[in-house]
C-alpha atoms as a PDB file:
ATOM      1  CA  MET A   1      24.966  -3.376  47.161  1.00  0.00           C
ATOM      2  CA  THR A   2      24.454  -0.934  44.309  1.00  0.00           C
ATOM      3  CA  VAL A   3      24.565  -1.755  40.641  1.00  0.00           C
ATOM      4  CA  ASN A   4      26.805   0.594  38.705  1.00  0.00           C
ATOM      5  CA  ALA A   5      25.829   2.233  35.409  1.00  0.00           C
ATOM      6  CA  ALA A   6      28.206   0.042  33.397  1.00  0.00           C
ATOM      7  CA  HIS A   7      26.395  -3.073  34.608  1.00  0.00           C
ATOM      8  CA  ARG A   8      22.894  -1.685  33.954  1.00  0.00           C
ATOM      9  CA  SER A   9      23.694  -0.425  30.477  1.00  0.00           C
ATOM     10  CA  PRO A  10      24.278  -3.839  28.787  1.00  0.00           C
ATOM     11  CA  THR A  11      21.100  -5.225  30.340  1.00  0.00           C
ATOM     12  CA  ARG A  12      19.094  -2.260  29.166  1.00  0.00           C
ATOM     13  CA  ARG A  13      20.667  -2.494  25.711  1.00  0.00           C
ATOM     14  CA  ARG A  14      19.786  -6.200  25.503  1.00  0.00           C
ATOM     15  CA  ALA A  15      16.199  -5.441  26.462  1.00  0.00           C
ATOM     16  CA  LEU A  16      15.937  -2.677  23.851  1.00  0.00           C
ATOM     17  CA  LEU A  17      17.539  -4.841  21.175  1.00  0.00           C
ATOM     18  CA  GLY A  18      15.196  -7.687  22.055  1.00  0.00           C
ATOM     19  CA  ALA A  19      12.197  -5.392  21.725  1.00  0.00           C
ATOM     20  CA  ALA A  20      13.528  -4.072  18.418  1.00  0.00           C
ATOM     21  CA  ALA A  21      14.059  -7.619  17.128  1.00  0.00           C
ATOM     22  CA  VAL A  22      10.415  -8.357  17.827  1.00  0.00           C
ATOM     23  CA  LEU A  23       9.106  -5.160  16.222  1.00  0.00           C
ATOM     24  CA  LEU A  24      11.476  -4.518  13.321  1.00  0.00           C
ATOM     25  CA  PRO A  25      10.955  -7.750  11.341  1.00  0.00           C
ATOM     26  CA  SER A  26       7.256  -6.961  11.002  1.00  0.00           C
ATOM     27  CA  VAL A  27       8.056  -3.437   9.810  1.00  0.00           C
ATOM     28  CA  ALA A  28      10.665  -4.757   7.373  1.00  0.00           C
ATOM     29  CA  LEU A  29       8.309  -7.457   6.089  1.00  0.00           C
ATOM     30  CA  ALA A  30       5.521  -4.912   5.689  1.00  0.00           C
ATOM     31  CA  LEU A  31       7.633  -3.121   3.084  1.00  0.00           C
ATOM     32  CA  ASP A  32       9.262  -6.115   1.445  1.00  0.00           C
ATOM     33  CA  GLY A  33       9.111  -6.423  -2.339  1.00  0.00           C
ATOM     34  CA  ALA A  34      10.129  -5.032  -5.714  1.00  0.00           C
ATOM     35  CA  PRO A  35       9.544  -1.297  -6.072  1.00  0.00           C
ATOM     36  CA  LEU A  36       6.674  -0.321  -8.380  1.00  0.00           C
ATOM     37  CA  GLN A  37       5.942   3.260  -9.443  1.00  0.00           C
ATOM     38  CA  PHE A  38       2.879   4.827 -11.020  1.00  0.00           C
ATOM     39  CA  ASP A  39       4.785   5.699 -14.204  1.00  0.00           C
ATOM     40  CA  GLN A  40       5.480   1.963 -14.677  1.00  0.00           C
ATOM     41  CA  LEU A  41       1.807   0.911 -14.846  1.00  0.00           C
ATOM     42  CA  TYR A  42       1.023   1.541 -18.517  1.00  0.00           C
ATOM     43  CA  LYS A  43       2.887   1.246 -21.788  1.00  0.00           C
ATOM     44  CA  SER A  44       0.538   3.333 -23.914  1.00  0.00           C
ATOM     45  CA  PHE A  45      -2.977   4.587 -24.459  1.00  0.00           C
ATOM     46  CA  GLY A  46      -4.723   3.850 -27.744  1.00  0.00           C
ATOM     47  CA  ILE A  47      -8.082   3.008 -29.285  1.00  0.00           C
ATOM     48  CA  ARG A  48      -8.360  -0.025 -26.997  1.00  0.00           C
ATOM     49  CA  GLY A  49      -7.617   2.033 -23.908  1.00  0.00           C
ATOM     50  CA  TYR A  50      -4.610   1.716 -21.664  1.00  0.00           C
ATOM     51  CA  GLU A  51      -2.075  -1.020 -22.400  1.00  0.00           C
ATOM     52  CA  LEU A  52      -0.352  -2.458 -19.332  1.00  0.00           C
ATOM     53  CA  SER A  53       3.435  -2.113 -19.339  1.00  0.00           C
ATOM     54  CA  ASP A  54       5.865  -5.009 -19.679  1.00  0.00           C
ATOM     55  CA  ALA A  55       7.444  -3.973 -16.350  1.00  0.00           C
ATOM     56  CA  LEU A  56       4.068  -4.267 -14.623  1.00  0.00           C
ATOM     57  CA  LEU A  57       3.257  -7.628 -16.211  1.00  0.00           C
ATOM     58  CA  ALA A  58       6.701  -8.969 -15.210  1.00  0.00           C
ATOM     59  CA  LEU A  59       5.802  -8.289 -11.554  1.00  0.00           C
ATOM     60  CA  LYS A  60       2.396 -10.008 -11.711  1.00  0.00           C
ATOM     61  CA  GLY A  61       2.019 -12.383  -8.752  1.00  0.00           C
ATOM     62  CA  LYS A  62       5.147 -11.042  -7.029  1.00  0.00           C
ATOM     63  CA  GLN A  63       5.615  -9.048  -3.846  1.00  0.00           C
ATOM     64  CA  VAL A  64       5.829  -5.303  -4.586  1.00  0.00           C
ATOM     65  CA  VAL A  65       6.210  -2.052  -2.678  1.00  0.00           C
ATOM     66  CA  MET A  66       4.427   1.045  -3.909  1.00  0.00           C
ATOM     67  CA  ARG A  67       4.296   4.586  -2.557  1.00  0.00           C
ATOM     68  CA  GLY A  68       1.443   6.993  -3.130  1.00  0.00           C
ATOM     69  CA  TYR A  69      -1.585   8.566  -1.493  1.00  0.00           C
ATOM     70  CA  MET A  70      -4.659   6.976  -0.038  1.00  0.00           C
ATOM     71  CA  ALA A  71      -7.758   8.357  -1.766  1.00  0.00           C
ATOM     72  CA  PRO A  72     -10.262   9.739   0.748  1.00  0.00           C
ATOM     73  CA  PRO A  73     -11.850   6.615   2.243  1.00  0.00           C
ATOM     74  CA  LEU A  74     -15.575   5.897   2.569  1.00  0.00           C
ATOM     75  CA  LYS A  75     -15.227   5.010   6.237  1.00  0.00           C
ATOM     76  CA  PRO A  76     -12.514   5.258   8.894  1.00  0.00           C
ATOM     77  CA  GLU A  77     -11.719   1.514   8.859  1.00  0.00           C
ATOM     78  CA  SER A  78     -11.790  -0.826   5.868  1.00  0.00           C
ATOM     79  CA  HIS A  79     -10.165  -3.847   4.235  1.00  0.00           C
ATOM     80  CA  PHE A  80      -9.451  -1.935   1.004  1.00  0.00           C
ATOM     81  CA  PHE A  81      -8.566   1.510  -0.327  1.00  0.00           C
ATOM     82  CA  VAL A  82      -7.473   3.201  -3.554  1.00  0.00           C
ATOM     83  CA  LEU A  83      -3.846   4.270  -3.963  1.00  0.00           C
ATOM     84  CA  THR A  84      -3.176   7.284  -6.216  1.00  0.00           C
ATOM     85  CA  GLY A  85      -0.044   8.998  -7.469  1.00  0.00           C
ATOM     86  CA  GLN A  86      -1.224  12.435  -6.306  1.00  0.00           C
ATOM     87  CA  PRO A  87      -3.275  13.450  -3.270  1.00  0.00           C
ATOM     88  CA  LEU A  88      -7.006  13.760  -4.038  1.00  0.00           C
ATOM     89  CA  ALA A  89      -9.607  15.883  -2.305  1.00  0.00           C
ATOM     90  CA  LEU A  90     -12.628  13.990  -3.667  1.00  0.00           C
ATOM     91  CA  CYS A  91     -13.858  10.570  -2.702  1.00  0.00           C
ATOM     92  CA  PRO A  92     -14.195   8.596  -5.963  1.00  0.00           C
ATOM     93  CA  PHE A  93     -17.162   6.656  -4.620  1.00  0.00           C
ATOM     94  CA  CYS A  94     -19.014   9.765  -3.443  1.00  0.00           C
ATOM     95  CA  GLN A  95     -18.688  11.944  -6.574  1.00  0.00           C
ATOM     96  CA  SER A  96     -20.186  10.497  -9.741  1.00  0.00           C
ATOM     97  CA  ASP A  97     -18.805  13.328 -11.866  1.00  0.00           C
ATOM     98  CA  ALA A  98     -15.299  13.373 -10.338  1.00  0.00           C
ATOM     99  CA  ASP A  99     -12.337  13.408 -12.689  1.00  0.00           C
ATOM    100  CA  TRP A 100     -10.878  10.133 -11.446  1.00  0.00           C
ATOM    101  CA  PRO A 101      -7.299   9.385 -12.567  1.00  0.00           C
ATOM    102  CA  ALA A 102      -6.618   6.284 -14.653  1.00  0.00           C
ATOM    103  CA  ASP A 103      -3.427   5.417 -12.816  1.00  0.00           C
ATOM    104  CA  ILE A 104      -4.916   4.054  -9.618  1.00  0.00           C
ATOM    105  CA  VAL A 105      -4.181   0.837  -7.780  1.00  0.00           C
ATOM    106  CA  VAL A 106      -6.728  -0.855  -5.548  1.00  0.00           C
ATOM    107  CA  ILE A 107      -5.233  -2.095  -2.289  1.00  0.00           C
ATOM    108  CA  TYR A 108      -6.796  -5.084  -0.506  1.00  0.00           C
ATOM    109  CA  LEU A 109      -5.439  -5.348   3.027  1.00  0.00           C
ATOM    110  CA  ARG A 110      -4.703  -8.576   4.905  1.00  0.00           C
ATOM    111  CA  ARG A 111      -7.147  -7.379   7.546  1.00  0.00           C
ATOM    112  CA  ALA A 112      -9.286  -4.298   8.104  1.00  0.00           C
ATOM    113  CA  ALA A 113      -7.326  -1.311   9.370  1.00  0.00           C
ATOM    114  CA  ALA A 114      -7.793   2.324  10.290  1.00  0.00           C
ATOM    115  CA  LEU A 115      -7.226   4.382   7.143  1.00  0.00           C
ATOM    116  CA  VAL A 116      -5.451   7.741   6.817  1.00  0.00           C
ATOM    117  CA  GLY A 117      -6.472  10.990   5.135  1.00  0.00           C
ATOM    118  CA  GLY A 118      -6.041  11.652   1.435  1.00  0.00           C
ATOM    119  CA  GLY A 119      -3.113  14.040   1.868  1.00  0.00           C
ATOM    120  CA  ASP A 120      -0.805  11.689   3.755  1.00  0.00           C
ATOM    121  CA  PRO A 121       1.720   9.642   1.753  1.00  0.00           C
ATOM    122  CA  VAL A 122       1.710   5.899   2.387  1.00  0.00           C
ATOM    123  CA  ALA A 123       3.907   2.951   1.474  1.00  0.00           C
ATOM    124  CA  VAL A 124       2.123  -0.297   0.570  1.00  0.00           C
ATOM    125  CA  SER A 125       3.489  -3.816   0.340  1.00  0.00           C
ATOM    126  CA  GLY A 126       1.686  -6.871  -1.021  1.00  0.00           C
ATOM    127  CA  ARG A 127       1.256  -9.235  -3.964  1.00  0.00           C
ATOM    128  CA  LEU A 128       0.552  -7.649  -7.364  1.00  0.00           C
ATOM    129  CA  ASP A 129      -2.574  -8.875  -9.164  1.00  0.00           C
ATOM    130  CA  VAL A 130      -3.267  -7.701 -12.720  1.00  0.00           C
ATOM    131  CA  GLY A 131      -6.266  -8.009 -15.062  1.00  0.00           C
ATOM    132  CA  SER A 132      -9.906  -7.034 -14.995  1.00  0.00           C
ATOM    133  CA  TRP A 133     -11.612  -8.105 -11.779  1.00  0.00           C
ATOM    134  CA  THR A 134     -14.895  -7.148 -10.122  1.00  0.00           C
ATOM    135  CA  ASP A 135     -15.018  -7.091  -6.333  1.00  0.00           C
ATOM    136  CA  PRO A 136     -18.038  -9.271  -5.424  1.00  0.00           C
ATOM    137  CA  GLU A 137     -18.827  -7.185  -2.313  1.00  0.00           C
ATOM    138  CA  THR A 138     -18.598  -3.670  -3.771  1.00  0.00           C
ATOM    139  CA  GLY A 139     -18.946  -4.167  -7.542  1.00  0.00           C
ATOM    140  CA  PHE A 140     -15.777  -2.060  -7.949  1.00  0.00           C
ATOM    141  CA  VAL A 141     -13.939  -3.020 -11.173  1.00  0.00           C
ATOM    142  CA  SER A 142     -10.160  -2.789 -11.190  1.00  0.00           C
ATOM    143  CA  GLN A 143      -7.295  -3.594 -13.543  1.00  0.00           C
ATOM    144  CA  ILE A 144      -4.399  -3.395 -11.076  1.00  0.00           C
ATOM    145  CA  ARG A 145      -4.496  -4.519  -7.445  1.00  0.00           C
ATOM    146  CA  ILE A 146      -2.129  -5.162  -4.586  1.00  0.00           C
ATOM    147  CA  VAL A 147      -3.580  -7.928  -2.427  1.00  0.00           C
ATOM    148  CA  ASP A 148      -2.747  -9.399   0.967  1.00  0.00           C
ATOM    149  CA  ALA A 149      -1.303  -5.955   1.615  1.00  0.00           C
ATOM    150  CA  SER A 150      -0.129  -3.862   4.522  1.00  0.00           C
ATOM    151  CA  PHE A 151       0.663  -0.158   4.625  1.00  0.00           C
ATOM    152  CA  ARG A 152       2.275   2.505   6.731  1.00  0.00           C
ATOM    153  CA  ARG A 153       2.584   6.275   6.505  1.00  0.00           C
ATOM    154  CA  SER A 154       5.758   7.206   4.670  1.00  0.00           C
END
């Protein structure tokens, strides 16, 4: 007895849909959140430095999605990286005299992951944390962070 194509097709479709149902929620969740753009980070720059924008402060503690470029990483796998609005050729940690942009966001991943090169765009999703904070492991000081994050190439 042979199975005709019409009978195989629904079974194959069910299998593919089942596989997609397993994979797609994690992709969708990885990019879940309110969109945040680099031009929304600061309200102004004055004698006290940069003033955080009202839009940014309204998203504090909430899930956000941000697109940008991963700054050249220190090592191929890490639990954090720096997100920039433009691709950078220089590693900020390796060049003491580098002209490092002010509009950066530090990304702390849920778990260590293989990082991508500085020229590839990425999309990041995680919880927005705002205010001066010093990483106890690296001593890196940041004002804006996305924590418990995940990313993918975009």
